[in-house]
Full PDB file with SEQRES, HELIX, SHEET, SSBOND, CRYST1, ORIGX, SCALE, CONECT and MASTER records, all heavy atoms in Angstrom:
SEQRES   1 A   32  ILE ALA PHE SER ILE ASN LEU ALA VAL LYS ASN THR LYS          
SEQRES   2 A   32  LYS LYS TYR ILE MET TYR LEU ALA SER ASP THR ASN ILE          
SEQRES   3 A   32  ARG ASN SER GLN ILE ILE                                      
HELIX    1 AA1 ALA A    2  VAL A    9  1                                   8    
HELIX    2 AA2 ASN A   28  ILE A   31  1                                   4    
CRYST1    1.000    1.000    1.000  90.00  90.00  90.00 P 1           1          
ORIGX1      1.000000  0.000000  0.000000        0.00000                         
ORIGX2      0.000000  1.000000  0.000000        0.00000                         
ORIGX3      0.000000  0.000000  1.000000        0.00000                         
SCALE1      1.000000  0.000000  0.000000        0.00000                         
SCALE2      0.000000  1.000000  0.000000        0.00000                         
SCALE3      0.000000  0.000000  1.000000        0.00000                         
ATOM      1  N   ILE A   1     -12.259  20.996  67.927  1.00  0.00           N  
ATOM      2  CA  ILE A   1     -12.058  22.399  67.571  1.00  0.00           C  
ATOM      3  C   ILE A   1     -10.909  23.042  68.344  1.00  0.00           C  
ATOM      4  O   ILE A   1     -10.074  23.739  67.769  1.00  0.00           O  
ATOM      5  CB  ILE A   1     -13.358  23.190  67.783  1.00  0.00           C  
ATOM      6  CG1 ILE A   1     -14.404  22.744  66.748  1.00  0.00           C  
ATOM      7  CG2 ILE A   1     -13.123  24.695  67.667  1.00  0.00           C  
ATOM      8  CD1 ILE A   1     -15.738  23.414  66.870  1.00  0.00           C  
ATOM      9  N   ALA A   2     -10.857  22.822  69.656  1.00  0.00           N  
ATOM     10  CA  ALA A   2      -9.811  23.457  70.466  1.00  0.00           C  
ATOM     11  C   ALA A   2      -8.421  23.051  69.979  1.00  0.00           C  
ATOM     12  O   ALA A   2      -7.537  23.895  69.776  1.00  0.00           O  
ATOM     13  CB  ALA A   2      -9.990  23.097  71.937  1.00  0.00           C  
ATOM     14  N   PHE A   3      -8.214  21.757  69.784  1.00  0.00           N  
ATOM     15  CA  PHE A   3      -6.930  21.261  69.272  1.00  0.00           C  
ATOM     16  C   PHE A   3      -6.627  21.870  67.908  1.00  0.00           C  
ATOM     17  O   PHE A   3      -5.485  22.249  67.618  1.00  0.00           O  
ATOM     18  CB  PHE A   3      -6.960  19.733  69.169  1.00  0.00           C  
ATOM     19  CG  PHE A   3      -5.748  19.137  68.504  1.00  0.00           C  
ATOM     20  CD1 PHE A   3      -4.618  18.836  69.244  1.00  0.00           C  
ATOM     21  CD2 PHE A   3      -5.736  18.896  67.135  1.00  0.00           C  
ATOM     22  CE1 PHE A   3      -3.483  18.306  68.630  1.00  0.00           C  
ATOM     23  CE2 PHE A   3      -4.610  18.367  66.511  1.00  0.00           C  
ATOM     24  CZ  PHE A   3      -3.487  18.067  67.258  1.00  0.00           C  
ATOM     25  N   SER A   4      -7.646  21.967  67.055  1.00  0.00           N  
ATOM     26  CA  SER A   4      -7.462  22.480  65.697  1.00  0.00           C  
ATOM     27  C   SER A   4      -7.025  23.941  65.694  1.00  0.00           C  
ATOM     28  O   SER A   4      -6.143  24.337  64.929  1.00  0.00           O  
ATOM     29  CB  SER A   4      -8.756  22.316  64.900  1.00  0.00           C  
ATOM     30  OG  SER A   4      -9.100  20.952  64.764  1.00  0.00           O  
ATOM     31  N   ILE A   5      -7.660  24.749  66.549  1.00  0.00           N  
ATOM     32  CA  ILE A   5      -7.261  26.156  66.638  1.00  0.00           C  
ATOM     33  C   ILE A   5      -5.812  26.260  67.102  1.00  0.00           C  
ATOM     34  O   ILE A   5      -5.013  27.017  66.537  1.00  0.00           O  
ATOM     35  CB  ILE A   5      -8.192  26.940  67.580  1.00  0.00           C  
ATOM     36  CG1 ILE A   5      -9.624  26.966  67.025  1.00  0.00           C  
ATOM     37  CG2 ILE A   5      -7.681  28.369  67.775  1.00  0.00           C  
ATOM     38  CD1 ILE A   5     -10.645  27.576  67.974  1.00  0.00           C  
ATOM     39  N   ASN A   6      -5.467  25.496  68.126  1.00  0.00           N  
ATOM     40  CA  ASN A   6      -4.079  25.510  68.627  1.00  0.00           C  
ATOM     41  C   ASN A   6      -3.087  25.108  67.550  1.00  0.00           C  
ATOM     42  O   ASN A   6      -1.998  25.696  67.414  1.00  0.00           O  
ATOM     43  CB  ASN A   6      -3.945  24.564  69.821  1.00  0.00           C  
ATOM     44  CG  ASN A   6      -4.684  25.052  71.057  1.00  0.00           C  
ATOM     45  OD1 ASN A   6      -5.042  26.221  71.150  1.00  0.00           O  
ATOM     46  ND2 ASN A   6      -4.907  24.164  71.999  1.00  0.00           N  
ATOM     47  N   LEU A   7      -3.461  24.102  66.762  1.00  0.00           N  
ATOM     48  CA  LEU A   7      -2.579  23.626  65.691  1.00  0.00           C  
ATOM     49  C   LEU A   7      -2.341  24.726  64.661  1.00  0.00           C  
ATOM     50  O   LEU A   7      -1.201  24.951  64.214  1.00  0.00           O  
ATOM     51  CB  LEU A   7      -3.200  22.395  65.015  1.00  0.00           C  
ATOM     52  CG  LEU A   7      -2.428  21.806  63.835  1.00  0.00           C  
ATOM     53  CD1 LEU A   7      -1.039  21.326  64.275  1.00  0.00           C  
ATOM     54  CD2 LEU A   7      -3.214  20.660  63.209  1.00  0.00           C  
ATOM     55  N   ALA A   8      -3.398  25.431  64.301  1.00  0.00           N  
ATOM     56  CA  ALA A   8      -3.265  26.525  63.337  1.00  0.00           C  
ATOM     57  C   ALA A   8      -2.386  27.640  63.889  1.00  0.00           C  
ATOM     58  O   ALA A   8      -1.517  28.174  63.180  1.00  0.00           O  
ATOM     59  CB  ALA A   8      -4.644  27.071  62.979  1.00  0.00           C  
ATOM     60  N   VAL A   9      -2.583  27.984  65.147  1.00  0.00           N  
ATOM     61  CA  VAL A   9      -1.812  29.059  65.780  1.00  0.00           C  
ATOM     62  C   VAL A   9      -0.324  28.731  65.776  1.00  0.00           C  
ATOM     63  O   VAL A   9       0.519  29.600  65.527  1.00  0.00           O  
ATOM     64  CB  VAL A   9      -2.307  29.304  67.224  1.00  0.00           C  
ATOM     65  CG1 VAL A   9      -1.383  30.263  67.971  1.00  0.00           C  
ATOM     66  CG2 VAL A   9      -3.733  29.860  67.209  1.00  0.00           C  
ATOM     67  N   LYS A  10       0.003  27.469  66.007  1.00  0.00           N  
ATOM     68  CA  LYS A  10       1.399  27.058  66.049  1.00  0.00           C  
ATOM     69  C   LYS A  10       2.031  26.988  64.650  1.00  0.00           C  
ATOM     70  O   LYS A  10       3.249  26.822  64.520  1.00  0.00           O  
ATOM     71  CB  LYS A  10       1.518  25.715  66.764  1.00  0.00           C  
ATOM     72  CG  LYS A  10       1.185  25.828  68.258  1.00  0.00           C  
ATOM     73  CD  LYS A  10       1.064  24.482  68.936  1.00  0.00           C  
ATOM     74  CE  LYS A  10       0.610  24.655  70.394  1.00  0.00           C  
ATOM     75  NZ  LYS A  10       0.390  23.364  71.082  1.00  0.00           N  
ATOM     76  N   ASN A  11       1.193  27.117  63.618  1.00  0.00           N  
ATOM     77  CA  ASN A  11       1.692  27.066  62.253  1.00  0.00           C  
ATOM     78  C   ASN A  11       1.627  28.424  61.552  1.00  0.00           C  
ATOM     79  O   ASN A  11       1.660  28.489  60.326  1.00  0.00           O  
ATOM     80  CB  ASN A  11       0.904  26.033  61.447  1.00  0.00           C  
ATOM     81  CG  ASN A  11       1.434  24.622  61.645  1.00  0.00           C  
ATOM     82  OD1 ASN A  11       2.336  24.175  60.954  1.00  0.00           O  
ATOM     83  ND2 ASN A  11       0.866  23.931  62.630  1.00  0.00           N  
ATOM     84  N   THR A  12       1.534  29.481  62.329  1.00  0.00           N  
ATOM     85  CA  THR A  12       1.581  30.823  61.758  1.00  0.00           C  
ATOM     86  C   THR A  12       2.393  31.740  62.659  1.00  0.00           C  
ATOM     87  O   THR A  12       2.479  31.514  63.867  1.00  0.00           O  
ATOM     88  CB  THR A  12       0.158  31.403  61.580  1.00  0.00           C  
ATOM     89  OG1 THR A  12       0.251  32.689  60.961  1.00  0.00           O  
ATOM     90  CG2 THR A  12      -0.559  31.547  62.925  1.00  0.00           C  
ATOM     91  N   LYS A  13       2.981  32.763  62.060  1.00  0.00           N  
ATOM     92  CA  LYS A  13       3.724  33.763  62.820  1.00  0.00           C  
ATOM     93  C   LYS A  13       2.986  35.100  62.855  1.00  0.00           C  
ATOM     94  O   LYS A  13       3.538  36.112  63.286  1.00  0.00           O  
ATOM     95  CB  LYS A  13       5.116  33.954  62.217  1.00  0.00           C  
ATOM     96  CG  LYS A  13       5.989  32.701  62.313  1.00  0.00           C  
ATOM     97  CD  LYS A  13       7.365  32.943  61.713  1.00  0.00           C  
ATOM     98  CE  LYS A  13       8.226  31.693  61.822  1.00  0.00           C  
ATOM     99  NZ  LYS A  13       9.576  31.900  61.234  1.00  0.00           N  
ATOM    100  N   LYS A  14       1.758  35.111  62.394  1.00  0.00           N  
ATOM    101  CA  LYS A  14       0.989  36.347  62.330  1.00  0.00           C  
ATOM    102  C   LYS A  14       0.665  36.868  63.729  1.00  0.00           C  
ATOM    103  O   LYS A  14       0.527  36.102  64.685  1.00  0.00           O  
ATOM    104  CB  LYS A  14      -0.306  36.129  61.555  1.00  0.00           C  
ATOM    105  CG  LYS A  14      -0.109  35.646  60.122  1.00  0.00           C  
ATOM    106  CD  LYS A  14       0.601  36.676  59.265  1.00  0.00           C  
ATOM    107  CE  LYS A  14       0.686  36.234  57.811  1.00  0.00           C  
ATOM    108  NZ  LYS A  14       1.371  37.213  56.958  1.00  0.00           N  
ATOM    109  N   LYS A  15       0.512  38.167  63.819  1.00  0.00           N  
ATOM    110  CA  LYS A  15       0.233  38.827  65.096  1.00  0.00           C  
ATOM    111  C   LYS A  15      -1.183  38.548  65.579  1.00  0.00           C  
ATOM    112  O   LYS A  15      -1.414  38.279  66.759  1.00  0.00           O  
ATOM    113  CB  LYS A  15       0.442  40.329  64.951  1.00  0.00           C  
ATOM    114  CG  LYS A  15       0.111  41.149  66.203  1.00  0.00           C  
ATOM    115  CD  LYS A  15       0.348  42.634  65.942  1.00  0.00           C  
ATOM    116  CE  LYS A  15       0.003  43.467  67.177  1.00  0.00           C  
ATOM    117  NZ  LYS A  15       0.224  44.914  66.935  1.00  0.00           N  
ATOM    118  N   TYR A  16      -2.136  38.619  64.647  1.00  0.00           N  
ATOM    119  CA  TYR A  16      -3.544  38.438  65.002  1.00  0.00           C  
ATOM    120  C   TYR A  16      -4.063  37.099  64.490  1.00  0.00           C  
ATOM    121  O   TYR A  16      -3.772  36.698  63.358  1.00  0.00           O  
ATOM    122  CB  TYR A  16      -4.406  39.554  64.409  1.00  0.00           C  
ATOM    123  CG  TYR A  16      -4.143  40.916  64.985  1.00  0.00           C  
ATOM    124  CD1 TYR A  16      -3.577  41.923  64.210  1.00  0.00           C  
ATOM    125  CD2 TYR A  16      -4.466  41.216  66.313  1.00  0.00           C  
ATOM    126  CE1 TYR A  16      -3.339  43.188  64.731  1.00  0.00           C  
ATOM    127  CE2 TYR A  16      -4.222  42.472  66.850  1.00  0.00           C  
ATOM    128  CZ  TYR A  16      -3.665  43.455  66.056  1.00  0.00           C  
ATOM    129  OH  TYR A  16      -3.423  44.701  66.570  1.00  0.00           O  
ATOM    130  N   ILE A  17      -4.837  36.437  65.321  1.00  0.00           N  
ATOM    131  CA  ILE A  17      -5.512  35.199  64.967  1.00  0.00           C  
ATOM    132  C   ILE A  17      -7.016  35.468  64.999  1.00  0.00           C  
ATOM    133  O   ILE A  17      -7.539  35.927  66.015  1.00  0.00           O  
ATOM    134  CB  ILE A  17      -5.201  34.053  65.957  1.00  0.00           C  
ATOM    135  CG1 ILE A  17      -3.679  33.858  66.100  1.00  0.00           C  
ATOM    136  CG2 ILE A  17      -5.913  32.775  65.541  1.00  0.00           C  
ATOM    137  CD1 ILE A  17      -2.984  33.398  64.853  1.00  0.00           C  
ATOM    138  N   MET A  18      -7.682  35.203  63.880  1.00  0.00           N  
ATOM    139  CA  MET A  18      -9.135  35.362  63.856  1.00  0.00           C  
ATOM    140  C   MET A  18      -9.774  34.014  63.530  1.00  0.00           C  
ATOM    141  O   MET A  18      -9.655  33.520  62.400  1.00  0.00           O  
ATOM    142  CB  MET A  18      -9.582  36.412  62.836  1.00  0.00           C  
ATOM    143  CG  MET A  18     -11.102  36.609  62.815  1.00  0.00           C  
ATOM    144  SD  MET A  18     -11.661  37.852  61.621  1.00  0.00           S  
ATOM    145  CE  MET A  18     -11.118  39.355  62.447  1.00  0.00           C  
ATOM    146  N   TYR A  19     -10.433  33.437  64.511  1.00  0.00           N  
ATOM    147  CA  TYR A  19     -11.159  32.192  64.266  1.00  0.00           C  
ATOM    148  C   TYR A  19     -12.538  32.527  63.714  1.00  0.00           C  
ATOM    149  O   TYR A  19     -13.262  33.382  64.262  1.00  0.00           O  
ATOM    150  CB  TYR A  19     -11.311  31.371  65.550  1.00  0.00           C  
ATOM    151  CG  TYR A  19     -12.282  30.220  65.372  1.00  0.00           C  
ATOM    152  CD1 TYR A  19     -11.909  29.080  64.671  1.00  0.00           C  
ATOM    153  CD2 TYR A  19     -13.587  30.297  65.869  1.00  0.00           C  
ATOM    154  CE1 TYR A  19     -12.804  28.043  64.470  1.00  0.00           C  
ATOM    155  CE2 TYR A  19     -14.485  29.266  65.669  1.00  0.00           C  
ATOM    156  CZ  TYR A  19     -14.080  28.142  64.969  1.00  0.00           C  
ATOM    157  OH  TYR A  19     -14.979  27.120  64.759  1.00  0.00           O  
ATOM    158  N   LEU A  20     -12.913  31.851  62.621  1.00  0.00           N  
ATOM    159  CA  LEU A  20     -14.235  32.013  62.033  1.00  0.00           C  
ATOM    160  C   LEU A  20     -14.907  30.657  61.906  1.00  0.00           C  
ATOM    161  O   LEU A  20     -14.343  29.735  61.301  1.00  0.00           O  
ATOM    162  CB  LEU A  20     -14.141  32.646  60.632  1.00  0.00           C  
ATOM    163  CG  LEU A  20     -13.581  34.064  60.512  1.00  0.00           C  
ATOM    164  CD1 LEU A  20     -13.564  34.476  59.040  1.00  0.00           C  
ATOM    165  CD2 LEU A  20     -14.407  35.044  61.324  1.00  0.00           C  
ATOM    166  N   ALA A  21     -16.094  30.507  62.481  1.00  0.00           N  
ATOM    167  CA  ALA A  21     -16.901  29.329  62.202  1.00  0.00           C  
ATOM    168  C   ALA A  21     -17.340  29.405  60.744  1.00  0.00           C  
ATOM    169  O   ALA A  21     -17.701  30.477  60.247  1.00  0.00           O  
ATOM    170  CB  ALA A  21     -18.114  29.289  63.130  1.00  0.00           C  
ATOM    171  N   SER A  22     -17.316  28.296  60.053  1.00  0.00           N  
ATOM    172  CA  SER A  22     -17.560  28.326  58.609  1.00  0.00           C  
ATOM    173  C   SER A  22     -19.011  28.651  58.254  1.00  0.00           C  
ATOM    174  O   SER A  22     -19.299  29.000  57.107  1.00  0.00           O  
ATOM    175  CB  SER A  22     -17.159  26.989  57.981  1.00  0.00           C  
ATOM    176  OG  SER A  22     -17.876  25.930  58.577  1.00  0.00           O  
ATOM    177  N   ASP A  23     -19.926  28.547  59.216  1.00  0.00           N  
ATOM    178  CA  ASP A  23     -21.327  28.911  58.944  1.00  0.00           C  
ATOM    179  C   ASP A  23     -21.656  30.311  59.457  1.00  0.00           C  
ATOM    180  O   ASP A  23     -22.787  30.614  59.825  1.00  0.00           O  
ATOM    181  CB  ASP A  23     -22.289  27.874  59.547  1.00  0.00           C  
ATOM    182  CG  ASP A  23     -22.061  27.628  61.033  1.00  0.00           C  
ATOM    183  OD1 ASP A  23     -21.093  28.181  61.588  1.00  0.00           O  
ATOM    184  OD2 ASP A  23     -22.851  26.884  61.640  1.00  0.00           O  
ATOM    185  N   THR A  24     -20.633  31.161  59.458  1.00  0.00           N  
ATOM    186  CA  THR A  24     -20.778  32.556  59.868  1.00  0.00           C  
ATOM    187  C   THR A  24     -20.781  33.455  58.631  1.00  0.00           C  
ATOM    188  O   THR A  24     -19.990  33.259  57.717  1.00  0.00           O  
ATOM    189  CB  THR A  24     -19.619  32.972  60.796  1.00  0.00           C  
ATOM    190  OG1 THR A  24     -19.655  32.171  61.970  1.00  0.00           O  
ATOM    191  CG2 THR A  24     -19.733  34.432  61.190  1.00  0.00           C  
ATOM    192  N   ASN A  25     -21.640  34.436  58.632  1.00  0.00           N  
ATOM    193  CA  ASN A  25     -21.714  35.386  57.519  1.00  0.00           C  
ATOM    194  C   ASN A  25     -21.020  36.675  57.930  1.00  0.00           C  
ATOM    195  O   ASN A  25     -21.563  37.476  58.677  1.00  0.00           O  
ATOM    196  CB  ASN A  25     -23.183  35.648  57.174  1.00  0.00           C  
ATOM    197  CG  ASN A  25     -23.351  36.483  55.915  1.00  0.00           C  
ATOM    198  OD1 ASN A  25     -22.365  36.886  55.298  1.00  0.00           O  
ATOM    199  ND2 ASN A  25     -24.579  36.754  55.548  1.00  0.00           N  
ATOM    200  N   ILE A  26     -19.796  36.865  57.444  1.00  0.00           N  
ATOM    201  CA  ILE A  26     -19.028  38.060  57.802  1.00  0.00           C  
ATOM    202  C   ILE A  26     -18.388  38.636  56.539  1.00  0.00           C  
ATOM    203  O   ILE A  26     -17.931  37.890  55.662  1.00  0.00           O  
ATOM    204  CB  ILE A  26     -17.957  37.750  58.871  1.00  0.00           C  
ATOM    205  CG1 ILE A  26     -17.324  39.050  59.405  1.00  0.00           C  
ATOM    206  CG2 ILE A  26     -16.916  36.768  58.374  1.00  0.00           C  
ATOM    207  CD1 ILE A  26     -16.479  38.843  60.656  1.00  0.00           C  
ATOM    208  N   ARG A  27     -18.364  39.947  56.435  1.00  0.00           N  
ATOM    209  CA  ARG A  27     -17.808  40.627  55.264  1.00  0.00           C  
ATOM    210  C   ARG A  27     -16.390  41.122  55.553  1.00  0.00           C  
ATOM    211  O   ARG A  27     -16.003  41.297  56.712  1.00  0.00           O  
ATOM    212  CB  ARG A  27     -18.691  41.811  54.865  1.00  0.00           C  
ATOM    213  CG  ARG A  27     -20.122  41.428  54.536  1.00  0.00           C  
ATOM    214  CD  ARG A  27     -20.902  42.616  54.013  1.00  0.00           C  
ATOM    215  NE  ARG A  27     -20.923  43.729  54.950  1.00  0.00           N  
ATOM    216  CZ  ARG A  27     -21.804  43.867  55.930  1.00  0.00           C  
ATOM    217  NH1 ARG A  27     -22.741  42.939  56.122  1.00  0.00           N  
ATOM    218  NH2 ARG A  27     -21.766  44.911  56.741  1.00  0.00           N  
ATOM    219  N   ASN A  28     -15.627  41.365  54.492  1.00  0.00           N  
ATOM    220  CA  ASN A  28     -14.263  41.887  54.647  1.00  0.00           C  
ATOM    221  C   ASN A  28     -14.253  43.236  55.362  1.00  0.00           C  
ATOM    222  O   ASN A  28     -13.353  43.520  56.158  1.00  0.00           O  
ATOM    223  CB  ASN A  28     -13.590  42.019  53.276  1.00  0.00           C  
ATOM    224  CG  ASN A  28     -13.200  40.675  52.700  1.00  0.00           C  
ATOM    225  OD1 ASN A  28     -12.495  39.900  53.331  1.00  0.00           O  
ATOM    226  ND2 ASN A  28     -13.655  40.388  51.497  1.00  0.00           N  
ATOM    227  N   SER A  29     -15.250  44.067  55.093  1.00  0.00           N  
ATOM    228  CA  SER A  29     -15.321  45.374  55.755  1.00  0.00           C  
ATOM    229  C   SER A  29     -15.494  45.212  57.259  1.00  0.00           C  
ATOM    230  O   SER A  29     -14.975  46.020  58.048  1.00  0.00           O  
ATOM    231  CB  SER A  29     -16.478  46.193  55.182  1.00  0.00           C  
ATOM    232  OG  SER A  29     -17.719  45.515  55.341  1.00  0.00           O  
ATOM    233  N   GLN A  30     -16.193  44.162  57.676  1.00  0.00           N  
ATOM    234  CA  GLN A  30     -16.372  43.905  59.109  1.00  0.00           C  
ATOM    235  C   GLN A  30     -15.087  43.375  59.735  1.00  0.00           C  
ATOM    236  O   GLN A  30     -14.759  43.716  60.878  1.00  0.00           O  
ATOM    237  CB  GLN A  30     -17.527  42.914  59.317  1.00  0.00           C  
ATOM    238  CG  GLN A  30     -18.878  43.480  58.914  1.00  0.00           C  
ATOM    239  CD  GLN A  30     -19.976  42.454  59.002  1.00  0.00           C  
ATOM    240  OE1 GLN A  30     -19.856  41.342  58.497  1.00  0.00           O  
ATOM    241  NE2 GLN A  30     -21.069  42.815  59.672  1.00  0.00           N  
ATOM    242  N   ILE A  31     -14.362  42.564  58.994  1.00  0.00           N  
ATOM    243  CA  ILE A  31     -13.069  42.082  59.470  1.00  0.00           C  
ATOM    244  C   ILE A  31     -12.120  43.254  59.676  1.00  0.00           C  
ATOM    245  O   ILE A  31     -11.383  43.324  60.668  1.00  0.00           O  
ATOM    246  CB  ILE A  31     -12.474  41.056  58.482  1.00  0.00           C  
ATOM    247  CG1 ILE A  31     -13.333  39.784  58.480  1.00  0.00           C  
ATOM    248  CG2 ILE A  31     -11.030  40.724  58.838  1.00  0.00           C  
ATOM    249  CD1 ILE A  31     -12.932  38.772  57.428  1.00  0.00           C  
ATOM    250  N   ILE A  32     -12.148  44.208  58.752  1.00  0.00           N  
ATOM    251  CA  ILE A  32     -11.309  45.406  58.869  1.00  0.00           C  
ATOM    252  C   ILE A  32     -11.660  46.188  60.133  1.00  0.00           C  
ATOM    253  O   ILE A  32     -10.769  46.642  60.866  1.00  0.00           O  
ATOM    254  CB  ILE A  32     -11.454  46.294  57.618  1.00  0.00           C  
ATOM    255  CG1 ILE A  32     -10.802  45.602  56.420  1.00  0.00           C  
ATOM    256  CG2 ILE A  32     -10.835  47.665  57.838  1.00  0.00           C  
ATOM    257  CD1 ILE A  32     -11.052  46.295  55.093  1.00  0.00           C  
TER     258      ILE A  32                                                      
MASTER        0    0    0    2    0    0    0    6  257    1    0    3          
END                                                                             
């Protein structure tokens, strides 16, 4: 997981990085 997050971060120029575990229940309104 740690390597994977780092790999994703190095492949984006976005200001914010939000890691989500795939078995998490989160809504778009909560992300906002």
